[in-house]
């Protein structure tokens, strides 16, 4: 399953790079393939566009919960306001951090707000 992660903040590109570096250093996420799609430049965009999207390809198993936990811990360590949107084929969720917080609460929000997998999908 492919997951798209986007970051919205005053410094979206550096924050996304920080999140990507954080996820790539997590040994528990080695089974996840991360990629940065080419930015889409709109016709009226004079200066071009910098990509602020990270894609994660998850295999079956508990990789999604580990990814949610890693993103939550990264959010906890933000000192400025940042919003992370996680999209999957099953839906999307937005989590906002306004500074240090409890990662357990953020993990719970991510896991609870994403719709459940269809009954015919194996966990």
PDB file of N, CA and C in Angstrom:
ATOM      1  N   UNK A   1       0.854  -1.170   0.000  1.00  0.00           N
ATOM      2  CA  UNK A   1       0.000   0.000   0.000  1.00  0.00           C
ATOM      3  C   UNK A   1       0.899   1.232   0.000  1.00  0.00           C
ATOM      4  N   UNK A   2       0.544   2.201  -0.813  1.00  0.00           N
ATOM      5  CA  UNK A   2       1.312   3.442  -0.874  1.00  0.00           C
ATOM      6  C   UNK A   2       0.664   4.493   0.019  1.00  0.00           C
ATOM      7  N   UNK A   3       1.509   5.162   0.793  1.00  0.00           N
ATOM      8  CA  UNK A   3       1.097   6.226   1.695  1.00  0.00           C
ATOM      9  C   UNK A   3       1.772   7.505   1.215  1.00  0.00           C
ATOM     10  N   UNK A   4       1.047   8.607   1.232  1.00  0.00           N
ATOM     11  CA  UNK A   4       1.618   9.906   0.891  1.00  0.00           C
ATOM     12  C   UNK A   4       1.648  10.752   2.155  1.00  0.00           C
ATOM     13  N   UNK A   5       2.795  11.331   2.436  1.00  0.00           N
ATOM     14  CA  UNK A   5       2.963  12.184   3.614  1.00  0.00           C
ATOM     15  C   UNK A   5       3.332  13.576   3.129  1.00  0.00           C
ATOM     16  N   UNK A   6       2.560  14.569   3.562  1.00  0.00           N
ATOM     17  CA  UNK A   6       2.904  15.946   3.210  1.00  0.00           C
ATOM     18  C   UNK A   6       3.029  16.756   4.497  1.00  0.00           C
ATOM     19  N   UNK A   7       3.849  17.782   4.437  1.00  0.00           N
ATOM     20  CA  UNK A   7       4.121  18.642   5.588  1.00  0.00           C
ATOM     21  C   UNK A   7       3.761  20.066   5.222  1.00  0.00           C
ATOM     22  N   UNK A   8       3.004  20.711   6.102  1.00  0.00           N
ATOM     23  CA  UNK A   8       2.665  22.123   5.919  1.00  0.00           C
ATOM     24  C   UNK A   8       3.184  22.896   7.128  1.00  0.00           C
ATOM     25  N   UNK A   9       4.028  23.875   6.857  1.00  0.00           N
ATOM     26  CA  UNK A   9       4.571  24.722   7.919  1.00  0.00           C
ATOM     27  C   UNK A   9       5.159  25.967   7.266  1.00  0.00           C
ATOM     28  N   UNK A  10       5.749  26.816   8.086  1.00  0.00           N
ATOM     29  CA  UNK A  10       6.429  27.987   7.539  1.00  0.00           C
ATOM     30  C   UNK A  10       7.651  27.586   6.713  1.00  0.00           C
ATOM     31  N   UNK A  11       8.160  26.396   6.980  1.00  0.00           N
ATOM     32  CA  UNK A  11       9.335  25.893   6.269  1.00  0.00           C
ATOM     33  C   UNK A  11       9.048  24.463   5.812  1.00  0.00           C
ATOM     34  N   UNK A  12       8.066  24.301   4.940  1.00  0.00           N
ATOM     35  CA  UNK A  12       7.598  22.973   4.540  1.00  0.00           C
ATOM     36  C   UNK A  12       8.701  22.084   3.967  1.00  0.00           C
ATOM     37  N   UNK A  13       9.502  22.597   3.054  1.00  0.00           N
ATOM     38  CA  UNK A  13      10.540  21.773   2.432  1.00  0.00           C
ATOM     39  C   UNK A  13      11.588  21.322   3.453  1.00  0.00           C
ATOM     40  N   UNK A  14      12.179  22.229   4.252  1.00  0.00           N
ATOM     41  CA  UNK A  14      13.145  21.757   5.263  1.00  0.00           C
ATOM     42  C   UNK A  14      12.499  20.815   6.288  1.00  0.00           C
ATOM     43  N   UNK A  15      11.239  21.064   6.651  1.00  0.00           N
ATOM     44  CA  UNK A  15      10.578  20.187   7.608  1.00  0.00           C
ATOM     45  C   UNK A  15      10.338  18.806   7.011  1.00  0.00           C
ATOM     46  N   UNK A  16       9.955  18.738   5.736  1.00  0.00           N
ATOM     47  CA  UNK A  16       9.761  17.439   5.105  1.00  0.00           C
ATOM     48  C   UNK A  16      11.093  16.699   5.000  1.00  0.00           C
ATOM     49  N   UNK A  17      12.153  17.427   4.666  1.00  0.00           N
ATOM     50  CA  UNK A  17      13.484  16.816   4.609  1.00  0.00           C
ATOM     51  C   UNK A  17      13.875  16.263   5.978  1.00  0.00           C
ATOM     52  N   UNK A  18      13.562  17.025   7.034  1.00  0.00           N
ATOM     53  CA  UNK A  18      13.845  16.582   8.400  1.00  0.00           C
ATOM     54  C   UNK A  18      13.065  15.308   8.729  1.00  0.00           C
ATOM     55  N   UNK A  19      11.778  15.273   8.362  1.00  0.00           N
ATOM     56  CA  UNK A  19      10.964  14.087   8.600  1.00  0.00           C
ATOM     57  C   UNK A  19      11.516  12.893   7.814  1.00  0.00           C
ATOM     58  N   UNK A  20      11.861  13.124   6.564  1.00  0.00           N
ATOM     59  CA  UNK A  20      12.411  12.043   5.744  1.00  0.00           C
ATOM     60  C   UNK A  20      13.692  11.487   6.360  1.00  0.00           C
ATOM     61  N   UNK A  21      14.597  12.354   6.776  1.00  0.00           N
ATOM     62  CA  UNK A  21      15.844  11.916   7.416  1.00  0.00           C
ATOM     63  C   UNK A  21      15.539  11.116   8.682  1.00  0.00           C
ATOM     64  N   UNK A  22      14.581  11.586   9.464  1.00  0.00           N
ATOM     65  CA  UNK A  22      14.176  10.923  10.704  1.00  0.00           C
ATOM     66  C   UNK A  22      13.687   9.495  10.398  1.00  0.00           C
ATOM     67  N   UNK A  23      12.834   9.367   9.389  1.00  0.00           N
ATOM     68  CA  UNK A  23      12.276   8.063   9.051  1.00  0.00           C
ATOM     69  C   UNK A  23      13.336   7.124   8.488  1.00  0.00           C
ATOM     70  N   UNK A  24      14.253   7.652   7.688  1.00  0.00           N
ATOM     71  CA  UNK A  24      15.296   6.821   7.095  1.00  0.00           C
ATOM     72  C   UNK A  24      16.287   6.306   8.136  1.00  0.00           C
ATOM     73  N   UNK A  25      16.424   7.006   9.255  1.00  0.00           N
ATOM     74  CA  UNK A  25      17.329   6.558  10.319  1.00  0.00           C
ATOM     75  C   UNK A  25      16.700   5.504  11.220  1.00  0.00           C
ATOM     76  N   UNK A  26      15.392   5.323  11.148  1.00  0.00           N
ATOM     77  CA  UNK A  26      14.695   4.375  12.025  1.00  0.00           C
ATOM     78  C   UNK A  26      14.850   2.961  11.474  1.00  0.00           C
ATOM     79  N   UNK A  27      15.570   2.124  12.185  1.00  0.00           N
ATOM     80  CA  UNK A  27      15.842   0.756  11.732  1.00  0.00           C
ATOM     81  C   UNK A  27      14.571  -0.058  11.547  1.00  0.00           C
ATOM     82  N   UNK A  28      13.531   0.257  12.313  1.00  0.00           N
ATOM     83  CA  UNK A  28      12.275  -0.494  12.219  1.00  0.00           C
ATOM     84  C   UNK A  28      11.549  -0.233  10.902  1.00  0.00           C
ATOM     85  N   UNK A  29      11.966   0.813  10.193  1.00  0.00           N
ATOM     86  CA  UNK A  29      11.293   1.187   8.947  1.00  0.00           C
ATOM     87  C   UNK A  29      12.068   0.753   7.706  1.00  0.00           C
ATOM     88  N   UNK A  30      13.043  -0.113   7.865  1.00  0.00           N
ATOM     89  CA  UNK A  30      13.866  -0.523   6.721  1.00  0.00           C
ATOM     90  C   UNK A  30      13.076  -1.233   5.643  1.00  0.00           C
ATOM     91  N   UNK A  31      11.932  -1.828   6.004  1.00  0.00           N
ATOM     92  CA  UNK A  31      11.129  -2.536   4.994  1.00  0.00           C
ATOM     93  C   UNK A  31      10.282  -1.575   4.157  1.00  0.00           C
ATOM     94  N   UNK A  32      10.262  -0.304   4.546  1.00  0.00           N
ATOM     95  CA  UNK A  32       9.462   0.686   3.826  1.00  0.00           C
ATOM     96  C   UNK A  32      10.342   1.395   2.805  1.00  0.00           C
ATOM     97  N   UNK A  33       9.854   1.491   1.589  1.00  0.00           N
ATOM     98  CA  UNK A  33      10.573   2.214   0.535  1.00  0.00           C
ATOM     99  C   UNK A  33      10.014   3.630   0.471  1.00  0.00           C
ATOM    100  N   UNK A  34      10.876   4.613   0.701  1.00  0.00           N
ATOM    101  CA  UNK A  34      10.476   6.019   0.649  1.00  0.00           C
ATOM    102  C   UNK A  34      10.954   6.623  -0.669  1.00  0.00           C
ATOM    103  N   UNK A  35      10.140   7.532  -1.217  1.00  0.00           N
ATOM    104  CA  UNK A  35      10.539   8.231  -2.439  1.00  0.00           C
ATOM    105  C   UNK A  35       9.959   9.638  -2.423  1.00  0.00           C
ATOM    106  N   UNK A  36      10.579  10.504  -3.195  1.00  0.00           N
ATOM    107  CA  UNK A  36      10.113  11.885  -3.345  1.00  0.00           C
ATOM    108  C   UNK A  36       9.719  12.075  -4.800  1.00  0.00           C
ATOM    109  N   UNK A  37       8.412  12.191  -5.083  1.00  0.00           N
ATOM    110  CA  UNK A  37       8.004  12.401  -6.478  1.00  0.00           C
ATOM    111  C   UNK A  37       8.479  13.755  -6.988  1.00  0.00           C
ATOM    112  N   UNK A  38       8.635  13.844  -8.285  1.00  0.00           N
ATOM    113  CA  UNK A  38       9.019  15.115  -8.894  1.00  0.00           C
ATOM    114  C   UNK A  38       7.937  16.152  -8.616  1.00  0.00           C
ATOM    115  N   UNK A  39       8.328  17.388  -8.311  1.00  0.00           N
ATOM    116  CA  UNK A  39       7.321  18.426  -8.077  1.00  0.00           C
ATOM    117  C   UNK A  39       6.530  18.729  -9.341  1.00  0.00           C
ATOM    118  N   UNK A  40       5.276  19.025  -9.153  1.00  0.00           N
ATOM    119  CA  UNK A  40       4.418  19.413 -10.270  1.00  0.00           C
ATOM    120  C   UNK A  40       4.450  20.932 -10.357  1.00  0.00           C
ATOM    121  N   UNK A  41       4.821  21.448 -11.524  1.00  0.00           N
ATOM    122  CA  UNK A  41       4.901  22.888 -11.722  1.00  0.00           C
ATOM    123  C   UNK A  41       3.658  23.331 -12.492  1.00  0.00           C
ATOM    124  N   UNK A  42       2.899  24.226 -11.896  1.00  0.00           N
ATOM    125  CA  UNK A  42       1.707  24.751 -12.558  1.00  0.00           C
ATOM    126  C   UNK A  42       2.119  25.739 -13.640  1.00  0.00           C
ATOM    127  N   UNK A  43       1.275  25.907 -14.648  1.00  0.00           N
ATOM    128  CA  UNK A  43       1.585  26.789 -15.776  1.00  0.00           C
ATOM    129  C   UNK A  43       1.836  28.228 -15.335  1.00  0.00           C
ATOM    130  N   UNK A  44       1.137  28.706 -14.319  1.00  0.00           N
ATOM    131  CA  UNK A  44       1.298  30.096 -13.887  1.00  0.00           C
ATOM    132  C   UNK A  44       2.292  30.239 -12.740  1.00  0.00           C
ATOM    133  N   UNK A  45       3.062  29.200 -12.441  1.00  0.00           N
ATOM    134  CA  UNK A  45       4.028  29.237 -11.350  1.00  0.00           C
ATOM    135  C   UNK A  45       5.357  29.752 -11.892  1.00  0.00           C
ATOM    136  N   UNK A  46       5.674  31.022 -11.623  1.00  0.00           N
ATOM    137  CA  UNK A  46       6.861  31.676 -12.170  1.00  0.00           C
ATOM    138  C   UNK A  46       8.174  31.060 -11.678  1.00  0.00           C
ATOM    139  N   UNK A  47       8.213  30.702 -10.411  1.00  0.00           N
ATOM    140  CA  UNK A  47       9.479  30.255  -9.850  1.00  0.00           C
ATOM    141  C   UNK A  47       9.623  28.757  -9.739  1.00  0.00           C
ATOM    142  N   UNK A  48       8.704  27.995 -10.254  1.00  0.00           N
ATOM    143  CA  UNK A  48       8.780  26.554 -10.090  1.00  0.00           C
ATOM    144  C   UNK A  48       8.199  26.153  -8.751  1.00  0.00           C
ATOM    145  N   UNK A  49       8.205  24.879  -8.484  1.00  0.00           N
ATOM    146  CA  UNK A  49       7.612  24.361  -7.265  1.00  0.00           C
ATOM    147  C   UNK A  49       8.543  23.347  -6.634  1.00  0.00           C
ATOM    148  N   UNK A  50       8.664  23.406  -5.331  1.00  0.00           N
ATOM    149  CA  UNK A  50       9.492  22.454  -4.609  1.00  0.00           C
ATOM    150  C   UNK A  50       8.574  21.378  -4.064  1.00  0.00           C
ATOM    151  N   UNK A  51       8.933  20.121  -4.258  1.00  0.00           N
ATOM    152  CA  UNK A  51       8.095  19.022  -3.781  1.00  0.00           C
ATOM    153  C   UNK A  51       8.073  18.953  -2.267  1.00  0.00           C
ATOM    154  N   UNK A  52       6.899  18.870  -1.706  1.00  0.00           N
ATOM    155  CA  UNK A  52       6.773  18.720  -0.262  1.00  0.00           C
ATOM    156  C   UNK A  52       5.966  17.466   0.049  1.00  0.00           C
ATOM    157  N   UNK A  53       6.191  16.428  -0.751  1.00  0.00           N
ATOM    158  CA  UNK A  53       5.484  15.167  -0.568  1.00  0.00           C
ATOM    159  C   UNK A  53       6.505  14.043  -0.467  1.00  0.00           C
ATOM    160  N   UNK A  54       6.262  13.162   0.478  1.00  0.00           N
ATOM    161  CA  UNK A  54       7.070  11.960   0.652  1.00  0.00           C
ATOM    162  C   UNK A  54       6.140  10.772   0.475  1.00  0.00           C
ATOM    163  N   UNK A  55       6.528   9.817  -0.363  1.00  0.00           N
ATOM    164  CA  UNK A  55       5.721   8.620  -0.547  1.00  0.00           C
ATOM    165  C   UNK A  55       6.394   7.455   0.163  1.00  0.00           C
ATOM    166  N   UNK A  56       5.573   6.631   0.802  1.00  0.00           N
ATOM    167  CA  UNK A  56       6.056   5.446   1.489  1.00  0.00           C
ATOM    168  C   UNK A  56       5.297   4.248   0.963  1.00  0.00           C
ATOM    169  N   UNK A  57       6.020   3.232   0.534  1.00  0.00           N
ATOM    170  CA  UNK A  57       5.393   1.993   0.069  1.00  0.00           C
ATOM    171  C   UNK A  57       5.503   0.964   1.174  1.00  0.00           C
ATOM    172  N   UNK A  58       4.345   0.598   1.737  1.00  0.00           N
ATOM    173  CA  UNK A  58       4.310  -0.323   2.869  1.00  0.00           C
ATOM    174  C   UNK A  58       4.013  -1.733   2.407  1.00  0.00           C
ATOM    175  N   UNK A  59       4.724  -2.687   2.970  1.00  0.00           N
ATOM    176  CA  UNK A  59       4.412  -4.095   2.749  1.00  0.00           C
ATOM    177  C   UNK A  59       3.376  -4.492   3.795  1.00  0.00           C
ATOM    178  N   UNK A  60       2.863  -5.688   3.689  1.00  0.00           N
ATOM    179  CA  UNK A  60       1.906  -6.176   4.682  1.00  0.00           C
ATOM    180  C   UNK A  60       2.592  -6.279   6.041  1.00  0.00           C
ATOM    181  N   UNK A  61       1.795  -6.262   7.080  1.00  0.00           N
ATOM    182  CA  UNK A  61       2.349  -6.378   8.425  1.00  0.00           C
ATOM    183  C   UNK A  61       2.126  -5.106   9.205  1.00  0.00           C
ATOM    184  N   UNK A  62       2.918  -4.909  10.232  1.00  0.00           N
ATOM    185  CA  UNK A  62       2.722  -3.787  11.135  1.00  0.00           C
ATOM    186  C   UNK A  62       3.504  -2.546  10.782  1.00  0.00           C
ATOM    187  N   UNK A  63       3.957  -2.424   9.540  1.00  0.00           N
ATOM    188  CA  UNK A  63       4.775  -1.276   9.149  1.00  0.00           C
ATOM    189  C   UNK A  63       4.013   0.039   9.304  1.00  0.00           C
ATOM    190  N   UNK A  64       2.712   0.022   9.071  1.00  0.00           N
ATOM    191  CA  UNK A  64       1.925   1.249   9.192  1.00  0.00           C
ATOM    192  C   UNK A  64       1.928   1.793  10.610  1.00  0.00           C
ATOM    193  N   UNK A  65       1.796   0.913  11.591  1.00  0.00           N
ATOM    194  CA  UNK A  65       1.809   1.345  12.995  1.00  0.00           C
ATOM    195  C   UNK A  65       3.182   1.885  13.383  1.00  0.00           C
ATOM    196  N   UNK A  66       4.234   1.247  12.873  1.00  0.00           N
ATOM    197  CA  UNK A  66       5.596   1.718  13.163  1.00  0.00           C
ATOM    198  C   UNK A  66       5.816   3.080  12.521  1.00  0.00           C
ATOM    199  N   UNK A  67       5.344   3.250  11.286  1.00  0.00           N
ATOM    200  CA  UNK A  67       5.456   4.534  10.598  1.00  0.00           C
ATOM    201  C   UNK A  67       4.695   5.616  11.356  1.00  0.00           C
ATOM    202  N   UNK A  68       3.473   5.296  11.799  1.00  0.00           N
ATOM    203  CA  UNK A  68       2.679   6.262  12.566  1.00  0.00           C
ATOM    204  C   UNK A  68       3.403   6.670  13.841  1.00  0.00           C
ATOM    205  N   UNK A  69       4.008   5.719  14.505  1.00  0.00           N
ATOM    206  CA  UNK A  69       4.756   6.021  15.720  1.00  0.00           C
ATOM    207  C   UNK A  69       5.953   6.913  15.461  1.00  0.00           C
ATOM    208  N   UNK A  70       6.677   6.627  14.381  1.00  0.00           N
ATOM    209  CA  UNK A  70       7.860   7.421  14.045  1.00  0.00           C
ATOM    210  C   UNK A  70       7.479   8.854  13.678  1.00  0.00           C
ATOM    211  N   UNK A  71       6.395   9.012  12.903  1.00  0.00           N
ATOM    212  CA  UNK A  71       5.930  10.357  12.552  1.00  0.00           C
ATOM    213  C   UNK A  71       5.494  11.107  13.808  1.00  0.00           C
ATOM    214  N   UNK A  72       4.830  10.413  14.722  1.00  0.00           N
ATOM    215  CA  UNK A  72       4.363  11.042  15.953  1.00  0.00           C
ATOM    216  C   UNK A  72       5.515  11.542  16.811  1.00  0.00           C
ATOM    217  N   UNK A  73       6.560  10.732  16.917  1.00  0.00           N
ATOM    218  CA  UNK A  73       7.723  11.153  17.713  1.00  0.00           C
ATOM    219  C   UNK A  73       8.398  12.343  17.047  1.00  0.00           C
ATOM    220  N   UNK A  74       8.482  12.327  15.712  1.00  0.00           N
ATOM    221  CA  UNK A  74       9.065  13.469  15.003  1.00  0.00           C
ATOM    222  C   UNK A  74       8.250  14.728  15.293  1.00  0.00           C
ATOM    223  N   UNK A  75       6.919  14.604  15.235  1.00  0.00           N
ATOM    224  CA  UNK A  75       6.047  15.751  15.526  1.00  0.00           C
ATOM    225  C   UNK A  75       6.271  16.270  16.944  1.00  0.00           C
ATOM    226  N   UNK A  76       6.464  15.365  17.879  1.00  0.00           N
ATOM    227  CA  UNK A  76       6.666  15.768  19.268  1.00  0.00           C
ATOM    228  C   UNK A  76       7.899  16.658  19.402  1.00  0.00           C
ATOM    229  N   UNK A  77       8.880  16.427  18.559  1.00  0.00           N
ATOM    230  CA  UNK A  77      10.138  17.168  18.658  1.00  0.00           C
ATOM    231  C   UNK A  77      10.142  18.484  17.890  1.00  0.00           C
ATOM    232  N   UNK A  78       9.045  18.839  17.266  1.00  0.00           N
ATOM    233  CA  UNK A  78       8.952  20.122  16.557  1.00  0.00           C
ATOM    234  C   UNK A  78       8.750  21.234  17.571  1.00  0.00           C
ATOM    235  N   UNK A  79       9.441  22.334  17.366  1.00  0.00           N
ATOM    236  CA  UNK A  79       9.286  23.483  18.250  1.00  0.00           C
ATOM    237  C   UNK A  79       8.314  24.492  17.651  1.00  0.00           C
ATOM    238  N   UNK A  80       8.119  24.416  16.362  1.00  0.00           N
ATOM    239  CA  UNK A  80       7.202  25.326  15.689  1.00  0.00           C
ATOM    240  C   UNK A  80       5.958  24.566  15.239  1.00  0.00           C
ATOM    241  N   UNK A  81       4.985  25.307  14.802  1.00  0.00           N
ATOM    242  CA  UNK A  81       3.741  24.690  14.336  1.00  0.00           C
ATOM    243  C   UNK A  81       3.978  23.984  13.008  1.00  0.00           C
ATOM    244  N   UNK A  82       3.521  22.758  12.928  1.00  0.00           N
ATOM    245  CA  UNK A  82       3.650  21.973  11.713  1.00  0.00           C
ATOM    246  C   UNK A  82       2.419  21.064  11.596  1.00  0.00           C
ATOM    247  N   UNK A  83       1.985  20.874  10.380  1.00  0.00           N
ATOM    248  CA  UNK A  83       0.834  20.011  10.098  1.00  0.00           C
ATOM    249  C   UNK A  83       1.297  18.915   9.151  1.00  0.00           C
ATOM    250  N   UNK A  84       0.975  17.674   9.494  1.00  0.00           N
ATOM    251  CA  UNK A  84       1.321  16.529   8.657  1.00  0.00           C
ATOM    252  C   UNK A  84       0.034  15.880   8.185  1.00  0.00           C
ATOM    253  N   UNK A  85      -0.051  15.660   6.882  1.00  0.00           N
ATOM    254  CA  UNK A  85      -1.203  14.970   6.292  1.00  0.00           C
ATOM    255  C   UNK A  85      -0.710  13.620   5.781  1.00  0.00           C
ATOM    256  N   UNK A  86      -1.373  12.557   6.237  1.00  0.00           N
ATOM    257  CA  UNK A  86      -1.051  11.200   5.796  1.00  0.00           C
ATOM    258  C   UNK A  86      -2.238  10.703   4.989  1.00  0.00           C
ATOM    259  N   UNK A  87      -1.975  10.323   3.736  1.00  0.00           N
ATOM    260  CA  UNK A  87      -3.031   9.826   2.851  1.00  0.00           C
ATOM    261  C   UNK A  87      -2.728   8.386   2.460  1.00  0.00           C
ATOM    262  N   UNK A  88      -3.779   7.586   2.459  1.00  0.00           N
ATOM    263  CA  UNK A  88      -3.666   6.211   2.000  1.00  0.00           C
ATOM    264  C   UNK A  88      -4.883   5.923   1.135  1.00  0.00           C
ATOM    265  N   UNK A  89      -4.912   4.776   0.472  1.00  0.00           N
ATOM    266  CA  UNK A  89      -6.104   4.438  -0.307  1.00  0.00           C
ATOM    267  C   UNK A  89      -7.361   4.342   0.563  1.00  0.00           C
ATOM    268  N   UNK A  90      -7.192   4.184   1.861  1.00  0.00           N
ATOM    269  CA  UNK A  90      -8.325   4.060   2.776  1.00  0.00           C
ATOM    270  C   UNK A  90      -8.798   5.400   3.333  1.00  0.00           C
ATOM    271  N   UNK A  91      -8.099   6.481   3.062  1.00  0.00           N
ATOM    272  CA  UNK A  91      -8.500   7.786   3.580  1.00  0.00           C
ATOM    273  C   UNK A  91      -7.295   8.622   3.957  1.00  0.00           C
ATOM    274  N   UNK A  92      -7.552   9.734   4.646  1.00  0.00           N
ATOM    275  CA  UNK A  92      -6.451  10.592   5.065  1.00  0.00           C
ATOM    276  C   UNK A  92      -6.717  11.142   6.453  1.00  0.00           C
ATOM    277  N   UNK A  93      -5.653  11.571   7.091  1.00  0.00           N
ATOM    278  CA  UNK A  93      -5.740  12.162   8.417  1.00  0.00           C
ATOM    279  C   UNK A  93      -4.728  13.302   8.481  1.00  0.00           C
ATOM    280  N   UNK A  94      -5.092  14.352   9.208  1.00  0.00           N
ATOM    281  CA  UNK A  94      -4.200  15.484   9.414  1.00  0.00           C
ATOM    282  C   UNK A  94      -3.902  15.580  10.902  1.00  0.00           C
ATOM    283  N   UNK A  95      -2.626  15.682  11.233  1.00  0.00           N
ATOM    284  CA  UNK A  95      -2.209  15.832  12.621  1.00  0.00           C
ATOM    285  C   UNK A  95      -1.398  17.110  12.706  1.00  0.00           C
ATOM    286  N   UNK A  96      -1.730  17.946  13.662  1.00  0.00           N
ATOM    287  CA  UNK A  96      -1.053  19.226  13.819  1.00  0.00           C
ATOM    288  C   UNK A  96      -0.345  19.260  15.157  1.00  0.00           C
ATOM    289  N   UNK A  97       0.886  19.728  15.144  1.00  0.00           N
ATOM    290  CA  UNK A  97       1.657  19.891  16.368  1.00  0.00           C
ATOM    291  C   UNK A  97       2.011  21.359  16.512  1.00  0.00           C
ATOM    292  N   UNK A  98       1.790  21.880  17.678  1.00  0.00           N
ATOM    293  CA  UNK A  98       2.110  23.283  17.940  1.00  0.00           C
ATOM    294  C   UNK A  98       3.299  23.387  18.878  1.00  0.00           C
ATOM    295  N   UNK A  99       4.116  22.377  18.900  1.00  0.00           N
ATOM    296  CA  UNK A  99       5.258  22.321  19.790  1.00  0.00           C
ATOM    297  C   UNK A  99       5.296  20.955  20.441  1.00  0.00           C
ATOM    298  N   UNK A 100       6.158  20.762  21.413  1.00  0.00           N
ATOM    299  CA  UNK A 100       6.274  19.461  22.050  1.00  0.00           C
ATOM    300  C   UNK A 100       4.940  18.978  22.613  1.00  0.00           C
ATOM    301  N   UNK A 101       4.697  17.686  22.479  1.00  0.00           N
ATOM    302  CA  UNK A 101       3.464  17.093  22.973  1.00  0.00           C
ATOM    303  C   UNK A 101       3.670  15.619  23.256  1.00  0.00           C
ATOM    304  N   UNK A 102       2.598  14.935  23.574  1.00  0.00           N
ATOM    305  CA  UNK A 102       2.652  13.524  23.910  1.00  0.00           C
ATOM    306  C   UNK A 102       2.533  12.692  22.640  1.00  0.00           C
ATOM    307  N   UNK A 103       3.583  11.949  22.246  1.00  0.00           N
ATOM    308  CA  UNK A 103       3.515  11.181  21.010  1.00  0.00           C
ATOM    309  C   UNK A 103       2.462  10.080  21.058  1.00  0.00           C
ATOM    310  N   UNK A 104       2.160   9.575  22.239  1.00  0.00           N
ATOM    311  CA  UNK A 104       1.150   8.527  22.345  1.00  0.00           C
ATOM    312  C   UNK A 104      -0.198   9.030  21.867  1.00  0.00           C
ATOM    313  N   UNK A 105      -0.534  10.262  22.219  1.00  0.00           N
ATOM    314  CA  UNK A 105      -1.792  10.856  21.783  1.00  0.00           C
ATOM    315  C   UNK A 105      -1.794  11.014  20.271  1.00  0.00           C
ATOM    316  N   UNK A 106      -0.673  11.466  19.707  1.00  0.00           N
ATOM    317  CA  UNK A 106      -0.596  11.648  18.265  1.00  0.00           C
ATOM    318  C   UNK A 106      -0.681  10.321  17.533  1.00  0.00           C
ATOM    319  N   UNK A 107      -0.018   9.286  18.046  1.00  0.00           N
ATOM    320  CA  UNK A 107      -0.094   7.966  17.431  1.00  0.00           C
ATOM    321  C   UNK A 107      -1.542   7.492  17.434  1.00  0.00           C
ATOM    322  N   UNK A 108      -2.198   7.641  18.565  1.00  0.00           N
ATOM    323  CA  UNK A 108      -3.592   7.232  18.678  1.00  0.00           C
ATOM    324  C   UNK A 108      -4.472   7.936  17.671  1.00  0.00           C
ATOM    325  N   UNK A 109      -4.266   9.236  17.491  1.00  0.00           N
ATOM    326  CA  UNK A 109      -5.066   9.996  16.521  1.00  0.00           C
ATOM    327  C   UNK A 109      -4.862   9.470  15.112  1.00  0.00           C
ATOM    328  N   UNK A 110      -3.605   9.217  14.746  1.00  0.00           N
ATOM    329  CA  UNK A 110      -3.330   8.727  13.399  1.00  0.00           C
ATOM    330  C   UNK A 110      -3.996   7.371  13.186  1.00  0.00           C
ATOM    331  N   UNK A 111      -3.837   6.468  14.142  1.00  0.00           N
ATOM    332  CA  UNK A 111      -4.388   5.130  13.979  1.00  0.00           C
ATOM    333  C   UNK A 111      -5.903   5.110  14.052  1.00  0.00           C
ATOM    334  N   UNK A 112      -6.496   5.925  14.902  1.00  0.00           N
ATOM    335  CA  UNK A 112      -7.945   5.927  15.059  1.00  0.00           C
ATOM    336  C   UNK A 112      -8.663   6.626  13.919  1.00  0.00           C
ATOM    337  N   UNK A 113      -8.069   7.659  13.348  1.00  0.00           N
ATOM    338  CA  UNK A 113      -8.766   8.452  12.351  1.00  0.00           C
ATOM    339  C   UNK A 113      -8.694   7.856  10.945  1.00  0.00           C
ATOM    340  N   UNK A 114      -7.715   6.996  10.676  1.00  0.00           N
ATOM    341  CA  UNK A 114      -7.691   6.345   9.371  1.00  0.00           C
ATOM    342  C   UNK A 114      -8.783   5.289   9.340  1.00  0.00           C
ATOM    343  N   UNK A 115      -9.547   5.230   8.268  1.00  0.00           N
ATOM    344  CA  UNK A 115     -10.599   4.207   8.181  1.00  0.00           C
ATOM    345  C   UNK A 115     -10.013   2.802   8.263  1.00  0.00           C
ATOM    346  N   UNK A 116     -10.790   1.877   8.770  1.00  0.00           N
ATOM    347  CA  UNK A 116     -10.352   0.488   8.882  1.00  0.00           C
ATOM    348  C   UNK A 116     -10.221  -0.126   7.498  1.00  0.00           C
ATOM    349  N   UNK A 117      -9.361  -1.127   7.400  1.00  0.00           N
ATOM    350  CA  UNK A 117      -9.169  -1.839   6.142  1.00  0.00           C
ATOM    351  C   UNK A 117     -10.437  -2.590   5.799  1.00  0.00           C
ATOM    352  N   UNK A 118     -10.765  -2.709   4.528  1.00  0.00           N
ATOM    353  CA  UNK A 118     -11.908  -3.530   4.125  1.00  0.00           C
ATOM    354  C   UNK A 118     -11.738  -4.952   4.645  1.00  0.00           C
ATOM    355  N   UNK A 119     -12.846  -5.634   4.877  1.00  0.00           N
ATOM    356  CA  UNK A 119     -12.834  -6.967   5.461  1.00  0.00           C
ATOM    357  C   UNK A 119     -12.052  -7.978   4.619  1.00  0.00           C
ATOM    358  N   UNK A 120     -11.989  -7.755   3.299  1.00  0.00           N
ATOM    359  CA  UNK A 120     -11.297  -8.725   2.439  1.00  0.00           C
ATOM    360  C   UNK A 120      -9.786  -8.514   2.382  1.00  0.00           C
ATOM    361  N   UNK A 121      -9.269  -7.452   3.062  1.00  0.00           N
ATOM    362  CA  UNK A 121      -7.822  -7.214   3.107  1.00  0.00           C
ATOM    363  C   UNK A 121      -7.232  -7.875   4.327  1.00  0.00           C
ATOM    364  N   UNK A 122      -6.109  -8.551   4.149  1.00  0.00           N
ATOM    365  CA  UNK A 122      -5.409  -9.135   5.292  1.00  0.00           C
ATOM    366  C   UNK A 122      -4.692  -8.040   6.044  1.00  0.00           C
ATOM    367  N   UNK A 123      -4.639  -8.111   7.387  1.00  0.00           N
ATOM    368  CA  UNK A 123      -3.934  -7.072   8.165  1.00  0.00           C
ATOM    369  C   UNK A 123      -2.460  -7.069   7.907  1.00  0.00           C
TER     370      UNK A 123
END
